[in-house]
Structure formats: structure tokens, C-alpha cells
Amino acid sequence: MVIQGVVFAWIYPRLFSTKREDWLHSALKFFGMFSVLAWSFTTLPVAAKYHMTSVPNFMMLETAFALLQFAVASPLVALAYRETHPASATALA
């Protein structure tokens, strides 16, 4: 998880806008890209490898979890990476 966090932190400003006004658009793009990526790394291989009672129920539950995880994390990551306003001249005076 630490390696994944470091990679995501390195990749984010290179793939998505960090402009303050673009945070929501960046969050949606991050959600779309990384939720699908995480789902393909976690849900699909487990469903293919292990014998389980109900593969459709597992897929539904894990898909919902991946979507929820990135629905919460994506806006937080985008807000953390947005640029701050430069100090105004009146604030310095």
C-alpha cells in the first residue's frame, strides 16, 4: 500500500491538472482511471483464482467497494493537490 501511495502521489500531478479551478474535473478523471485500474488488479484476479460460492455476488460486492473507495478518495486527492492562491498584494501591505 505504501508503494502504491508513493506511485499515485508521483503520478497525480503529471496526469491531472492541479489548477485550483480544475479540482473537480481532475477528481472525476482520477476516479475513472484509478477505480478501473484498482478493480482490474484486485477483483478480477481474485474471482478467477479462488473457488467461491457465488462469483456474481463477489463481483458485485467488490465492484461496489472499489467504486466507493475511489468516490471518497478521488476528491480528497484532488483537493490535496490543488494549487493554493498566491498571496495578494493587499494582504502583504
N, C-alpha and C. Protein backbone atom coordinates (compact mmCIF):
# COMPACT_ATOMS: atom_id res chain seq x y z
N MET A 1 0.82 -1.20 0.00
CA MET A 1 0.00 0.00 0.00
C MET A 1 0.87 1.26 0.00
N VAL A 2 1.98 1.20 0.70
CA VAL A 2 2.88 2.36 0.74
C VAL A 2 3.44 2.61 -0.66
N ILE A 3 3.85 1.56 -1.33
CA ILE A 3 4.40 1.71 -2.69
C ILE A 3 3.33 2.28 -3.62
N GLN A 4 2.12 1.77 -3.50
CA GLN A 4 1.01 2.26 -4.32
C GLN A 4 0.76 3.74 -4.03
N GLY A 5 0.79 4.13 -2.78
CA GLY A 5 0.60 5.54 -2.41
C GLY A 5 1.68 6.44 -2.98
N VAL A 6 2.92 5.97 -2.92
CA VAL A 6 4.04 6.75 -3.47
C VAL A 6 3.88 6.89 -4.99
N VAL A 7 3.53 5.82 -5.64
CA VAL A 7 3.34 5.87 -7.11
C VAL A 7 2.18 6.81 -7.47
N PHE A 8 1.06 6.70 -6.77
CA PHE A 8 -0.08 7.58 -7.04
C PHE A 8 0.31 9.04 -6.79
N ALA A 9 1.05 9.31 -5.73
CA ALA A 9 1.48 10.67 -5.41
C ALA A 9 2.42 11.23 -6.47
N TRP A 10 3.25 10.39 -7.03
CA TRP A 10 4.17 10.83 -8.07
C TRP A 10 3.44 11.05 -9.39
N ILE A 11 2.49 10.16 -9.70
CA ILE A 11 1.79 10.22 -10.98
C ILE A 11 0.75 11.34 -11.04
N TYR A 12 0.06 11.59 -9.93
CA TYR A 12 -1.09 12.51 -9.97
C TYR A 12 -0.79 13.85 -10.64
N PRO A 13 0.21 14.61 -10.19
CA PRO A 13 0.42 15.93 -10.81
C PRO A 13 0.93 15.85 -12.25
N ARG A 14 1.36 14.70 -12.68
CA ARG A 14 1.82 14.54 -14.05
C ARG A 14 0.68 14.20 -15.02
N LEU A 15 -0.39 13.60 -14.49
CA LEU A 15 -1.52 13.21 -15.34
C LEU A 15 -2.72 14.14 -15.25
N PHE A 16 -2.86 14.83 -14.12
CA PHE A 16 -4.07 15.61 -13.88
C PHE A 16 -3.71 17.05 -13.55
N SER A 17 -4.62 17.95 -13.87
CA SER A 17 -4.41 19.37 -13.59
C SER A 17 -4.43 19.62 -12.09
N THR A 18 -3.53 20.47 -11.64
CA THR A 18 -3.53 20.87 -10.22
C THR A 18 -4.03 22.30 -10.07
N LYS A 19 -4.57 22.88 -11.14
CA LYS A 19 -5.13 24.22 -11.03
C LYS A 19 -6.31 24.20 -10.08
N ARG A 20 -6.41 25.22 -9.28
CA ARG A 20 -7.44 25.29 -8.25
C ARG A 20 -8.85 25.10 -8.83
N GLU A 21 -9.10 25.72 -9.97
CA GLU A 21 -10.45 25.66 -10.55
C GLU A 21 -10.75 24.32 -11.24
N ASP A 22 -9.73 23.48 -11.45
CA ASP A 22 -9.91 22.19 -12.13
C ASP A 22 -10.02 21.00 -11.18
N TRP A 23 -10.11 21.25 -9.88
CA TRP A 23 -10.03 20.13 -8.93
C TRP A 23 -11.13 19.10 -9.15
N LEU A 24 -12.35 19.54 -9.44
CA LEU A 24 -13.45 18.58 -9.62
C LEU A 24 -13.25 17.74 -10.88
N HIS A 25 -12.85 18.38 -11.95
CA HIS A 25 -12.59 17.65 -13.21
C HIS A 25 -11.45 16.65 -13.01
N SER A 26 -10.40 17.06 -12.30
CA SER A 26 -9.28 16.17 -12.02
C SER A 26 -9.72 15.01 -11.14
N ALA A 27 -10.58 15.28 -10.16
CA ALA A 27 -11.09 14.22 -9.28
C ALA A 27 -11.89 13.19 -10.08
N LEU A 28 -12.71 13.65 -11.00
CA LEU A 28 -13.50 12.73 -11.82
C LEU A 28 -12.62 11.88 -12.74
N LYS A 29 -11.60 12.51 -13.31
CA LYS A 29 -10.68 11.75 -14.17
C LYS A 29 -9.89 10.73 -13.34
N PHE A 30 -9.44 11.13 -12.16
CA PHE A 30 -8.71 10.23 -11.26
C PHE A 30 -9.61 9.05 -10.89
N PHE A 31 -10.86 9.35 -10.53
CA PHE A 31 -11.83 8.31 -10.19
C PHE A 31 -12.00 7.33 -11.35
N GLY A 32 -12.23 7.85 -12.54
CA GLY A 32 -12.45 6.99 -13.70
C GLY A 32 -11.26 6.11 -14.02
N MET A 33 -10.08 6.68 -13.95
CA MET A 33 -8.88 5.92 -14.32
C MET A 33 -8.47 4.92 -13.23
N PHE A 34 -8.34 5.39 -12.02
CA PHE A 34 -7.77 4.54 -10.98
C PHE A 34 -8.76 3.58 -10.36
N SER A 35 -10.06 3.87 -10.39
CA SER A 35 -11.01 2.89 -9.88
C SER A 35 -11.05 1.67 -10.80
N VAL A 36 -11.00 1.89 -12.10
CA VAL A 36 -10.97 0.78 -13.05
C VAL A 36 -9.66 0.00 -12.92
N LEU A 37 -8.56 0.71 -12.78
CA LEU A 37 -7.26 0.07 -12.63
C LEU A 37 -7.22 -0.78 -11.36
N ALA A 38 -7.65 -0.22 -10.24
CA ALA A 38 -7.65 -0.96 -8.98
C ALA A 38 -8.59 -2.17 -9.05
N TRP A 39 -9.74 -1.97 -9.67
CA TRP A 39 -10.71 -3.06 -9.80
C TRP A 39 -10.10 -4.20 -10.62
N SER A 40 -9.39 -3.86 -11.68
CA SER A 40 -8.81 -4.90 -12.53
C SER A 40 -7.66 -5.63 -11.83
N PHE A 41 -6.97 -4.96 -10.92
CA PHE A 41 -5.87 -5.58 -10.17
C PHE A 41 -6.36 -6.43 -9.00
N THR A 42 -7.51 -6.10 -8.45
CA THR A 42 -7.96 -6.79 -7.23
C THR A 42 -9.14 -7.73 -7.46
N THR A 43 -10.18 -7.24 -8.06
CA THR A 43 -11.42 -8.01 -8.17
C THR A 43 -11.31 -9.14 -9.19
N LEU A 44 -10.88 -8.83 -10.38
CA LEU A 44 -10.83 -9.85 -11.44
C LEU A 44 -9.90 -11.02 -11.10
N PRO A 45 -8.66 -10.78 -10.64
CA PRO A 45 -7.79 -11.92 -10.34
C PRO A 45 -8.31 -12.81 -9.21
N VAL A 46 -8.89 -12.20 -8.18
CA VAL A 46 -9.41 -12.99 -7.06
C VAL A 46 -10.58 -13.84 -7.53
N ALA A 47 -11.46 -13.26 -8.32
CA ALA A 47 -12.61 -14.02 -8.83
C ALA A 47 -12.15 -15.17 -9.73
N ALA A 48 -11.05 -14.98 -10.44
CA ALA A 48 -10.56 -16.02 -11.33
C ALA A 48 -9.79 -17.12 -10.60
N LYS A 49 -9.13 -16.77 -9.50
CA LYS A 49 -8.25 -17.72 -8.81
C LYS A 49 -8.94 -18.63 -7.81
N TYR A 50 -9.91 -18.08 -7.09
CA TYR A 50 -10.44 -18.81 -5.94
C TYR A 50 -11.82 -19.40 -6.22
N HIS A 51 -12.03 -20.58 -5.66
CA HIS A 51 -13.34 -21.22 -5.74
C HIS A 51 -14.23 -20.56 -4.70
N MET A 52 -15.38 -20.06 -5.12
CA MET A 52 -16.28 -19.39 -4.18
C MET A 52 -17.72 -19.77 -4.48
N THR A 53 -18.56 -19.54 -3.51
CA THR A 53 -19.96 -19.93 -3.63
C THR A 53 -20.68 -19.17 -4.74
N SER A 54 -20.46 -17.85 -4.78
CA SER A 54 -21.16 -17.04 -5.78
C SER A 54 -20.20 -16.00 -6.36
N VAL A 55 -19.73 -16.25 -7.55
CA VAL A 55 -18.85 -15.30 -8.22
C VAL A 55 -19.60 -14.00 -8.55
N PRO A 56 -20.84 -14.05 -9.04
CA PRO A 56 -21.55 -12.79 -9.31
C PRO A 56 -21.72 -11.91 -8.06
N ASN A 57 -22.04 -12.54 -6.92
CA ASN A 57 -22.16 -11.75 -5.69
C ASN A 57 -20.83 -11.15 -5.27
N PHE A 58 -19.75 -11.92 -5.40
CA PHE A 58 -18.42 -11.40 -5.09
C PHE A 58 -18.09 -10.23 -5.99
N MET A 59 -18.33 -10.38 -7.29
CA MET A 59 -18.03 -9.30 -8.24
C MET A 59 -18.82 -8.04 -7.92
N MET A 60 -20.10 -8.21 -7.58
CA MET A 60 -20.94 -7.06 -7.25
C MET A 60 -20.43 -6.36 -5.99
N LEU A 61 -20.10 -7.11 -4.96
CA LEU A 61 -19.64 -6.54 -3.71
C LEU A 61 -18.29 -5.84 -3.88
N GLU A 62 -17.36 -6.48 -4.53
CA GLU A 62 -16.03 -5.89 -4.73
C GLU A 62 -16.06 -4.70 -5.67
N THR A 63 -16.92 -4.73 -6.66
CA THR A 63 -17.07 -3.59 -7.57
C THR A 63 -17.63 -2.39 -6.80
N ALA A 64 -18.64 -2.64 -5.99
CA ALA A 64 -19.22 -1.56 -5.17
C ALA A 64 -18.16 -0.99 -4.22
N PHE A 65 -17.35 -1.84 -3.62
CA PHE A 65 -16.31 -1.36 -2.72
C PHE A 65 -15.28 -0.50 -3.46
N ALA A 66 -14.83 -0.94 -4.62
CA ALA A 66 -13.85 -0.17 -5.39
C ALA A 66 -14.41 1.18 -5.79
N LEU A 67 -15.67 1.21 -6.22
CA LEU A 67 -16.29 2.48 -6.59
C LEU A 67 -16.43 3.41 -5.40
N LEU A 68 -16.84 2.86 -4.26
CA LEU A 68 -16.98 3.66 -3.04
C LEU A 68 -15.62 4.19 -2.58
N GLN A 69 -14.62 3.34 -2.59
CA GLN A 69 -13.29 3.74 -2.16
C GLN A 69 -12.78 4.92 -2.98
N PHE A 70 -12.91 4.85 -4.28
CA PHE A 70 -12.39 5.93 -5.12
C PHE A 70 -13.35 7.12 -5.19
N ALA A 71 -14.62 6.92 -4.92
CA ALA A 71 -15.55 8.05 -4.83
C ALA A 71 -15.19 8.92 -3.62
N VAL A 72 -14.69 8.31 -2.57
CA VAL A 72 -14.27 9.07 -1.39
C VAL A 72 -12.85 9.62 -1.57
N ALA A 73 -11.94 8.79 -2.07
CA ALA A 73 -10.54 9.18 -2.15
C ALA A 73 -10.25 10.19 -3.26
N SER A 74 -10.90 10.09 -4.38
CA SER A 74 -10.59 10.95 -5.53
C SER A 74 -10.75 12.44 -5.24
N PRO A 75 -11.88 12.88 -4.67
CA PRO A 75 -11.99 14.31 -4.36
C PRO A 75 -10.97 14.76 -3.32
N LEU A 76 -10.65 13.89 -2.36
CA LEU A 76 -9.67 14.26 -1.34
C LEU A 76 -8.28 14.43 -1.94
N VAL A 77 -7.91 13.53 -2.84
CA VAL A 77 -6.61 13.64 -3.50
C VAL A 77 -6.56 14.91 -4.36
N ALA A 78 -7.63 15.17 -5.11
CA ALA A 78 -7.67 16.36 -5.96
C ALA A 78 -7.60 17.64 -5.13
N LEU A 79 -8.29 17.66 -4.00
CA LEU A 79 -8.22 18.84 -3.14
C LEU A 79 -6.84 19.01 -2.53
N ALA A 80 -6.20 17.92 -2.18
CA ALA A 80 -4.86 18.00 -1.60
C ALA A 80 -3.84 18.51 -2.61
N TYR A 81 -4.02 18.23 -3.88
CA TYR A 81 -3.08 18.63 -4.91
C TYR A 81 -3.39 19.98 -5.56
N ARG A 82 -4.53 20.58 -5.27
CA ARG A 82 -4.85 21.84 -5.94
C ARG A 82 -3.87 22.92 -5.50
N GLU A 83 -3.60 23.82 -6.43
CA GLU A 83 -2.69 24.92 -6.15
C GLU A 83 -3.33 25.87 -5.15
N THR A 84 -2.49 26.48 -4.35
CA THR A 84 -3.00 27.49 -3.42
C THR A 84 -3.00 28.83 -4.11
N HIS A 85 -3.83 29.74 -3.62
CA HIS A 85 -3.85 31.09 -4.18
C HIS A 85 -2.56 31.79 -3.83
N PRO A 86 -2.00 32.54 -4.78
CA PRO A 86 -0.83 33.34 -4.43
C PRO A 86 -1.23 34.44 -3.46
N ALA A 87 -0.32 34.86 -2.61
CA ALA A 87 -0.61 35.92 -1.65
C ALA A 87 -0.94 37.20 -2.42
N SER A 88 -2.01 37.85 -2.02
CA SER A 88 -2.40 39.08 -2.72
C SER A 88 -1.56 40.25 -2.22
N ALA A 89 -1.47 41.24 -3.05
CA ALA A 89 -0.65 42.41 -2.71
C ALA A 89 -1.24 43.15 -1.52
N THR A 90 -2.57 43.14 -1.36
CA THR A 90 -3.18 43.85 -0.24
C THR A 90 -2.93 43.13 1.07
N ALA A 91 -2.79 41.81 1.03
CA ALA A 91 -2.52 41.06 2.26
C ALA A 91 -1.12 41.31 2.76
N LEU A 92 -0.20 41.61 1.83
CA LEU A 92 1.19 41.84 2.23
C LEU A 92 1.40 43.27 2.73
N ALA A 93 0.52 44.18 2.34
CA ALA A 93 0.71 45.59 2.72
C ALA A 93 0.33 45.88 4.15
